[in-house]
Structures are given as C-alpha cells and as structure tokens.
N, C-alpha and C. Protein backbone atom coordinates (compact mmCIF):
# COMPACT_ATOMS: atom_id res chain seq x y z
N MET A 1 0.84 -1.17 0.00
CA MET A 1 0.00 0.00 0.00
C MET A 1 0.89 1.24 0.00
N GLY A 2 0.31 2.40 -0.29
CA GLY A 2 1.12 3.57 -0.47
C GLY A 2 0.89 4.73 0.46
N GLY A 3 0.16 4.58 1.52
CA GLY A 3 -0.12 5.70 2.41
C GLY A 3 -1.18 6.60 1.80
N ASN A 4 -2.06 7.09 2.63
CA ASN A 4 -3.15 7.95 2.18
C ASN A 4 -2.97 9.35 2.74
N ALA A 5 -3.06 10.34 1.87
CA ALA A 5 -2.94 11.73 2.29
C ALA A 5 -4.26 12.19 2.91
N TRP A 6 -4.16 13.07 3.90
CA TRP A 6 -5.33 13.63 4.56
C TRP A 6 -5.03 15.06 4.96
N SER A 7 -6.07 15.84 5.21
CA SER A 7 -5.91 17.21 5.69
C SER A 7 -7.11 17.58 6.55
N HIS A 8 -6.88 18.55 7.45
CA HIS A 8 -7.91 18.92 8.42
C HIS A 8 -7.58 20.29 8.99
N VAL A 9 -8.59 21.06 9.33
CA VAL A 9 -8.38 22.34 10.01
C VAL A 9 -9.03 22.26 11.38
N GLY A 10 -8.27 22.66 12.39
CA GLY A 10 -8.76 22.64 13.76
C GLY A 10 -8.68 24.02 14.39
N ARG A 11 -9.00 24.05 15.66
CA ARG A 11 -9.00 25.30 16.41
C ARG A 11 -7.58 25.80 16.69
N TYR A 12 -7.44 27.10 16.72
CA TYR A 12 -6.17 27.74 17.02
C TYR A 12 -5.96 27.81 18.53
N GLN A 13 -4.72 27.62 18.94
CA GLN A 13 -4.22 27.93 20.27
C GLN A 13 -2.82 28.48 20.09
N PRO A 14 -2.38 29.38 20.97
CA PRO A 14 -1.03 29.94 20.83
C PRO A 14 0.07 28.87 20.92
N ASP A 15 -0.16 27.82 21.68
CA ASP A 15 0.82 26.74 21.82
C ASP A 15 0.46 25.65 20.81
N PRO A 16 1.25 25.48 19.74
CA PRO A 16 0.92 24.48 18.73
C PRO A 16 0.78 23.06 19.28
N ALA A 17 1.61 22.69 20.25
CA ALA A 17 1.52 21.34 20.82
C ALA A 17 0.20 21.16 21.56
N ALA A 18 -0.25 22.19 22.27
CA ALA A 18 -1.53 22.12 22.97
C ALA A 18 -2.68 22.05 21.97
N ALA A 19 -2.59 22.82 20.88
CA ALA A 19 -3.62 22.78 19.85
C ALA A 19 -3.69 21.38 19.22
N PHE A 20 -2.53 20.80 18.96
CA PHE A 20 -2.46 19.45 18.39
C PHE A 20 -3.11 18.43 19.32
N ARG A 21 -2.76 18.49 20.60
CA ARG A 21 -3.32 17.52 21.55
C ARG A 21 -4.83 17.72 21.68
N GLN A 22 -5.28 18.97 21.68
CA GLN A 22 -6.71 19.25 21.75
C GLN A 22 -7.42 18.68 20.53
N GLU A 23 -6.81 18.84 19.37
CA GLU A 23 -7.41 18.33 18.14
C GLU A 23 -7.44 16.80 18.15
N GLN A 24 -6.41 16.17 18.69
CA GLN A 24 -6.42 14.71 18.81
C GLN A 24 -7.55 14.25 19.72
N GLU A 25 -7.72 14.90 20.87
CA GLU A 25 -8.79 14.51 21.79
C GLU A 25 -10.16 14.71 21.16
N ALA A 26 -10.34 15.81 20.40
CA ALA A 26 -11.61 16.05 19.71
C ALA A 26 -11.86 14.97 18.66
N GLU A 27 -10.84 14.60 17.91
CA GLU A 27 -10.98 13.55 16.90
C GLU A 27 -11.32 12.22 17.56
N LEU A 28 -10.66 11.91 18.66
CA LEU A 28 -10.93 10.66 19.37
C LEU A 28 -12.35 10.63 19.90
N ALA A 29 -12.87 11.77 20.33
CA ALA A 29 -14.26 11.84 20.80
C ALA A 29 -15.24 11.61 19.65
N ARG A 30 -14.88 12.05 18.43
CA ARG A 30 -15.74 11.83 17.26
C ARG A 30 -15.74 10.37 16.83
N ASP A 31 -14.56 9.71 16.95
CA ASP A 31 -14.44 8.33 16.49
C ASP A 31 -13.29 7.66 17.24
N ASP A 32 -13.62 6.67 18.07
CA ASP A 32 -12.58 5.98 18.85
C ASP A 32 -11.93 4.84 18.07
N HIS A 33 -12.37 4.60 16.85
CA HIS A 33 -11.79 3.60 15.97
C HIS A 33 -11.73 2.20 16.61
N GLY A 34 -12.71 1.91 17.46
CA GLY A 34 -12.76 0.60 18.09
C GLY A 34 -11.90 0.46 19.33
N PHE A 35 -11.42 1.57 19.85
CA PHE A 35 -10.59 1.58 21.06
C PHE A 35 -11.26 2.48 22.10
N PRO A 36 -12.42 2.09 22.62
CA PRO A 36 -13.20 2.97 23.49
C PRO A 36 -12.56 3.22 24.86
N GLY A 37 -12.90 4.39 25.41
CA GLY A 37 -12.54 4.70 26.78
C GLY A 37 -11.08 4.98 27.05
N ARG A 38 -10.31 5.36 26.06
CA ARG A 38 -8.88 5.60 26.26
C ARG A 38 -8.51 7.01 25.84
N THR A 39 -7.47 7.52 26.45
CA THR A 39 -6.92 8.81 26.03
C THR A 39 -5.93 8.57 24.89
N VAL A 40 -5.52 9.64 24.26
CA VAL A 40 -4.52 9.53 23.20
C VAL A 40 -3.23 8.93 23.75
N GLU A 41 -2.83 9.38 24.93
CA GLU A 41 -1.60 8.87 25.55
C GLU A 41 -1.71 7.37 25.81
N GLU A 42 -2.87 6.94 26.29
CA GLU A 42 -3.07 5.51 26.54
C GLU A 42 -3.04 4.71 25.25
N LEU A 43 -3.63 5.26 24.19
CA LEU A 43 -3.62 4.56 22.91
C LEU A 43 -2.19 4.32 22.42
N TRP A 44 -1.34 5.33 22.55
CA TRP A 44 0.02 5.20 22.03
C TRP A 44 0.91 4.31 22.89
N ARG A 45 0.40 3.81 24.00
CA ARG A 45 1.10 2.80 24.79
C ARG A 45 0.55 1.40 24.51
N ASP A 46 -0.44 1.30 23.64
CA ASP A 46 -1.11 0.05 23.33
C ASP A 46 -0.57 -0.52 22.01
N ARG A 47 0.01 -1.71 22.06
CA ARG A 47 0.58 -2.32 20.85
C ARG A 47 -0.47 -2.53 19.76
N GLU A 48 -1.70 -2.85 20.16
CA GLU A 48 -2.76 -3.04 19.16
C GLU A 48 -3.06 -1.74 18.42
N TRP A 49 -3.06 -0.61 19.16
CA TRP A 49 -3.26 0.69 18.51
C TRP A 49 -2.14 0.97 17.52
N MET A 50 -0.91 0.74 17.94
CA MET A 50 0.22 0.99 17.04
C MET A 50 0.12 0.13 15.78
N GLU A 51 -0.26 -1.11 15.94
CA GLU A 51 -0.46 -1.98 14.77
C GLU A 51 -1.55 -1.43 13.87
N TYR A 52 -2.63 -0.96 14.48
CA TYR A 52 -3.73 -0.35 13.73
C TYR A 52 -3.24 0.86 12.93
N ILE A 53 -2.46 1.71 13.57
CA ILE A 53 -1.95 2.91 12.90
C ILE A 53 -0.99 2.54 11.77
N TYR A 54 -0.08 1.61 12.03
CA TYR A 54 0.94 1.27 11.03
C TYR A 54 0.42 0.42 9.87
N THR A 55 -0.76 -0.15 10.01
CA THR A 55 -1.30 -0.98 8.92
C THR A 55 -2.52 -0.37 8.25
N GLY A 56 -2.83 0.84 8.56
CA GLY A 56 -3.96 1.51 7.92
C GLY A 56 -4.13 2.91 8.44
N GLY A 57 -4.21 3.03 9.75
CA GLY A 57 -4.33 4.33 10.37
C GLY A 57 -5.72 4.92 10.27
N THR A 58 -5.82 6.14 10.74
CA THR A 58 -7.10 6.83 10.81
C THR A 58 -7.23 7.94 9.77
N ALA A 59 -6.13 8.31 9.15
CA ALA A 59 -6.08 9.46 8.22
C ALA A 59 -6.55 10.72 8.93
N THR A 60 -6.08 10.89 10.18
CA THR A 60 -6.38 12.05 11.01
C THR A 60 -5.16 12.38 11.86
N VAL A 61 -5.31 13.39 12.71
CA VAL A 61 -4.24 13.75 13.65
C VAL A 61 -3.95 12.65 14.66
N LEU A 62 -4.78 11.65 14.74
CA LEU A 62 -4.52 10.53 15.65
C LEU A 62 -3.37 9.65 15.17
N ASP A 63 -2.99 9.77 13.92
CA ASP A 63 -1.91 8.94 13.38
C ASP A 63 -0.52 9.37 13.82
N GLN A 64 -0.41 10.53 14.48
CA GLN A 64 0.88 11.00 14.96
C GLN A 64 0.89 10.96 16.49
N SER A 65 1.99 10.47 17.05
CA SER A 65 2.06 10.29 18.50
C SER A 65 2.45 11.56 19.25
N ILE A 66 3.32 12.37 18.67
CA ILE A 66 3.83 13.56 19.35
C ILE A 66 4.03 14.68 18.35
N MET A 67 4.23 15.89 18.90
CA MET A 67 4.65 17.01 18.07
C MET A 67 6.13 17.23 18.30
N VAL A 68 6.85 17.41 17.22
CA VAL A 68 8.29 17.65 17.29
C VAL A 68 8.58 19.11 16.92
N GLU A 69 9.82 19.48 17.03
CA GLU A 69 10.25 20.83 16.66
C GLU A 69 10.20 21.01 15.14
N PRO A 70 10.01 22.24 14.68
CA PRO A 70 9.94 22.48 13.23
C PRO A 70 11.16 22.00 12.45
N THR A 71 12.31 21.96 13.07
CA THR A 71 13.52 21.55 12.36
C THR A 71 13.78 20.05 12.43
N ASP A 72 12.97 19.32 13.16
CA ASP A 72 13.14 17.87 13.30
C ASP A 72 12.49 17.17 12.11
N THR A 73 13.30 16.64 11.22
CA THR A 73 12.77 15.99 10.02
C THR A 73 13.06 14.49 9.99
N GLY A 74 13.28 13.90 11.17
CA GLY A 74 13.50 12.46 11.26
C GLY A 74 12.21 11.69 10.97
N GLY A 75 12.22 10.40 11.21
CA GLY A 75 11.07 9.56 10.92
C GLY A 75 9.91 9.76 11.87
N GLY A 76 8.72 9.40 11.40
CA GLY A 76 7.48 9.56 12.18
C GLY A 76 7.25 8.40 13.12
N PRO A 77 6.15 8.30 13.73
CA PRO A 77 4.94 9.09 13.48
C PRO A 77 4.91 10.35 14.34
N TYR A 78 5.03 11.47 13.73
CA TYR A 78 5.02 12.72 14.46
C TYR A 78 4.31 13.81 13.66
N MET A 79 3.93 14.87 14.38
CA MET A 79 3.38 16.08 13.77
C MET A 79 4.47 17.14 13.88
N ARG A 80 4.75 17.84 12.77
CA ARG A 80 5.80 18.84 12.76
C ARG A 80 5.27 20.17 12.23
N PRO A 81 5.40 21.24 13.03
CA PRO A 81 5.05 22.57 12.51
C PRO A 81 6.02 22.97 11.41
N LEU A 82 5.54 23.71 10.43
CA LEU A 82 6.43 24.20 9.39
C LEU A 82 7.35 25.28 9.93
N THR A 83 8.52 25.40 9.35
CA THR A 83 9.41 26.50 9.67
C THR A 83 8.90 27.76 8.97
N ASP A 84 9.39 28.90 9.39
CA ASP A 84 9.00 30.16 8.76
C ASP A 84 9.35 30.14 7.27
N ALA A 85 10.52 29.63 6.93
CA ALA A 85 10.94 29.57 5.51
C ALA A 85 10.00 28.67 4.71
N GLU A 86 9.57 27.55 5.28
CA GLU A 86 8.64 26.66 4.58
C GLU A 86 7.30 27.34 4.34
N ILE A 87 6.85 28.10 5.31
CA ILE A 87 5.58 28.83 5.16
C ILE A 87 5.71 29.89 4.08
N ARG A 88 6.79 30.65 4.13
CA ARG A 88 6.96 31.76 3.18
C ARG A 88 7.17 31.28 1.74
N ALA A 89 7.50 30.02 1.56
CA ALA A 89 7.65 29.47 0.20
C ALA A 89 6.31 29.45 -0.54
N TRP A 90 5.21 29.39 0.16
CA TRP A 90 3.89 29.38 -0.48
C TRP A 90 2.97 30.47 0.04
N ALA A 91 3.36 31.14 1.14
CA ALA A 91 2.62 32.29 1.67
C ALA A 91 3.65 33.37 1.99
N PRO A 92 4.07 34.14 1.00
CA PRO A 92 5.19 35.07 1.15
C PRO A 92 5.09 36.05 2.32
N ASP A 93 3.88 36.39 2.74
CA ASP A 93 3.75 37.31 3.87
C ASP A 93 3.87 36.61 5.22
N GLY A 94 3.98 35.28 5.21
CA GLY A 94 4.12 34.52 6.45
C GLY A 94 2.83 34.37 7.23
N ARG A 95 1.70 34.77 6.65
CA ARG A 95 0.40 34.68 7.30
C ARG A 95 -0.59 33.95 6.39
N PRO A 96 -0.43 32.64 6.26
CA PRO A 96 -1.27 31.89 5.32
C PRO A 96 -2.74 31.88 5.72
N THR A 97 -3.58 32.05 4.73
CA THR A 97 -5.02 31.93 4.93
C THR A 97 -5.44 30.49 4.61
N HIS A 98 -6.68 30.18 4.95
CA HIS A 98 -7.21 28.86 4.63
C HIS A 98 -7.17 28.64 3.12
N ALA A 99 -7.58 29.63 2.37
CA ALA A 99 -7.60 29.50 0.90
C ALA A 99 -6.19 29.31 0.34
N ALA A 100 -5.22 30.05 0.86
CA ALA A 100 -3.84 29.91 0.38
C ALA A 100 -3.30 28.53 0.71
N TRP A 101 -3.61 28.02 1.90
CA TRP A 101 -3.16 26.68 2.29
C TRP A 101 -3.76 25.62 1.37
N ARG A 102 -5.07 25.70 1.13
CA ARG A 102 -5.72 24.72 0.24
C ARG A 102 -5.12 24.78 -1.16
N ALA A 103 -4.90 25.98 -1.67
CA ALA A 103 -4.32 26.12 -3.00
C ALA A 103 -2.91 25.56 -3.04
N ALA A 104 -2.13 25.80 -2.02
CA ALA A 104 -0.75 25.30 -1.98
C ALA A 104 -0.73 23.78 -1.89
N LEU A 105 -1.65 23.19 -1.10
CA LEU A 105 -1.73 21.73 -1.01
C LEU A 105 -2.05 21.11 -2.36
N GLY A 106 -2.82 21.81 -3.16
CA GLY A 106 -3.21 21.29 -4.46
C GLY A 106 -2.18 21.55 -5.54
N SER A 107 -1.03 22.08 -5.15
CA SER A 107 0.04 22.38 -6.11
C SER A 107 1.33 21.71 -5.65
N ASP A 108 2.41 22.00 -6.34
CA ASP A 108 3.70 21.46 -5.92
C ASP A 108 4.42 22.38 -4.94
N ARG A 109 3.77 23.47 -4.51
CA ARG A 109 4.40 24.42 -3.58
C ARG A 109 4.39 23.92 -2.13
N LEU A 110 3.49 23.01 -1.78
CA LEU A 110 3.39 22.51 -0.42
C LEU A 110 3.16 21.00 -0.46
N PRO A 111 4.25 20.25 -0.49
CA PRO A 111 4.10 18.80 -0.59
C PRO A 111 3.59 18.19 0.73
N PHE A 112 2.97 17.06 0.59
CA PHE A 112 2.61 16.28 1.77
C PHE A 112 3.88 15.66 2.34
N PRO A 113 3.93 15.45 3.65
CA PRO A 113 5.12 14.83 4.25
C PRO A 113 5.19 13.35 3.88
N GLY A 114 6.24 12.68 4.33
CA GLY A 114 6.39 11.25 4.08
C GLY A 114 5.40 10.43 4.91
N ARG A 115 5.41 9.15 4.67
CA ARG A 115 4.52 8.24 5.40
C ARG A 115 4.68 8.38 6.91
N ALA A 116 3.57 8.26 7.60
CA ALA A 116 3.48 8.31 9.07
C ALA A 116 3.82 9.68 9.64
N CYS A 117 3.85 10.69 8.79
CA CYS A 117 4.20 12.03 9.25
C CYS A 117 3.07 13.01 8.97
N GLY A 118 3.05 14.06 9.77
CA GLY A 118 2.09 15.14 9.58
C GLY A 118 2.79 16.47 9.73
N ASN A 119 2.22 17.48 9.10
CA ASN A 119 2.70 18.85 9.24
C ASN A 119 1.55 19.73 9.71
N CYS A 120 1.89 20.87 10.26
CA CYS A 120 0.85 21.81 10.68
C CYS A 120 1.36 23.23 10.58
N THR A 121 0.42 24.16 10.54
CA THR A 121 0.75 25.59 10.54
C THR A 121 -0.47 26.37 10.98
N VAL A 122 -0.23 27.56 11.48
CA VAL A 122 -1.31 28.47 11.86
C VAL A 122 -1.89 29.07 10.58
N LEU A 123 -3.22 29.19 10.55
CA LEU A 123 -3.91 29.88 9.47
C LEU A 123 -4.44 31.21 10.00
N PHE A 124 -4.47 32.23 9.14
CA PHE A 124 -4.86 33.57 9.54
C PHE A 124 -6.07 34.06 8.75
N ASP A 125 -6.81 34.98 9.35
CA ASP A 125 -7.79 35.77 8.62
C ASP A 125 -7.47 37.23 8.93
N ASP A 126 -8.36 38.14 8.58
CA ASP A 126 -8.08 39.57 8.78
C ASP A 126 -7.89 39.95 10.25
N ASP A 127 -8.45 39.17 11.15
CA ASP A 127 -8.37 39.47 12.58
C ASP A 127 -7.17 38.82 13.28
N GLY A 128 -6.42 37.98 12.58
CA GLY A 128 -5.28 37.30 13.19
C GLY A 128 -5.38 35.79 13.07
N PRO A 129 -4.76 35.06 13.98
CA PRO A 129 -4.80 33.60 13.91
C PRO A 129 -6.25 33.09 13.94
N ALA A 130 -6.57 32.19 13.01
CA ALA A 130 -7.95 31.73 12.86
C ALA A 130 -8.12 30.22 12.94
N GLY A 131 -7.04 29.49 12.95
CA GLY A 131 -7.13 28.03 12.99
C GLY A 131 -5.77 27.40 12.82
N MET A 132 -5.75 26.09 12.94
CA MET A 132 -4.54 25.31 12.72
C MET A 132 -4.82 24.34 11.57
N ALA A 133 -3.96 24.35 10.58
CA ALA A 133 -4.06 23.41 9.47
C ALA A 133 -3.18 22.21 9.78
N TYR A 134 -3.71 21.02 9.55
CA TYR A 134 -2.98 19.77 9.73
C TYR A 134 -3.09 18.98 8.44
N TRP A 135 -2.01 18.34 8.02
CA TRP A 135 -2.05 17.45 6.87
C TRP A 135 -0.96 16.42 7.01
N GLY A 136 -1.22 15.25 6.47
CA GLY A 136 -0.24 14.19 6.62
C GLY A 136 -0.53 13.02 5.70
N VAL A 137 0.20 11.94 5.97
CA VAL A 137 0.10 10.71 5.19
C VAL A 137 0.11 9.54 6.17
N THR A 138 -0.79 8.59 5.95
CA THR A 138 -0.83 7.41 6.81
C THR A 138 0.43 6.58 6.63
N ALA A 139 0.67 5.68 7.58
CA ALA A 139 1.89 4.88 7.59
C ALA A 139 1.83 3.69 6.65
N ASP A 140 0.65 3.23 6.31
CA ASP A 140 0.54 2.00 5.52
C ASP A 140 1.11 2.11 4.13
C-alpha cells in the first residue's frame, strides 16, 4: 500500500503542541476507531493501537504520537510545525489563509510529508490567527 494523504483544520491555540493535543482529543471523541474509553496517551502505549496505525491508520491527527520541533525531520509518526521559511515558500507574507493553504496543497508548492508524518501551521484571517491546518500521510 502507499499511504493515504489527509488534511484537516482545527482550532487555534497559541501553543501548537496544545492545539495538536486538543485536536487529537476532539478527533478521538468523534471516532474511537474501536478503542473505546482511552486517552490519546493511553492509545500510544497500546501495541494493538500501534499496529492499527501502522497498517492503515485513521487518516487524522490521531496517526501522529507527538509534536516535534519544526527543524526535526526524522522519521514519524510525528506532527511537525512548518518552519518560517517553509511557510513563506507558499505564503510570502508569512500569514497563510485557509484558501492559500488549500491552493498550496493542491500544487507542488506545499508537498505532503512522508509516510506516518504530519505537518501543521497556523492559518490567519483579517483578525489574526484563525485556525490550525494539519495534513499528513498514513503509515501503511
């Protein structure tokens, strides 16, 4: 199999790691994928969950176990915020909108990460930060 690309927009928080964890908990509340009554942290300590993720996954923010630093480009499963230079490559003002992000994802200006990895960035509107964009590829 070749991994499946996915994308999602969630709520903004000033701390990207906190926003990521909040989005994971919200996704888990929407669909526990057959693993009821567990937190994200508990799932990532469960070998059955890891097997589930590595052989198909959820195609959501649940497929990444942690958030790493923007400069950490090692292997997944992790969520990585884009660096300022990566953002400015497709949003020159450094304040990407939802529309600019969608357009960049549909072009060669913003590639999807490798298998089992996710990327994220803050999205802006006229009033300031408006959401967090997440996109990634399943591990399978």
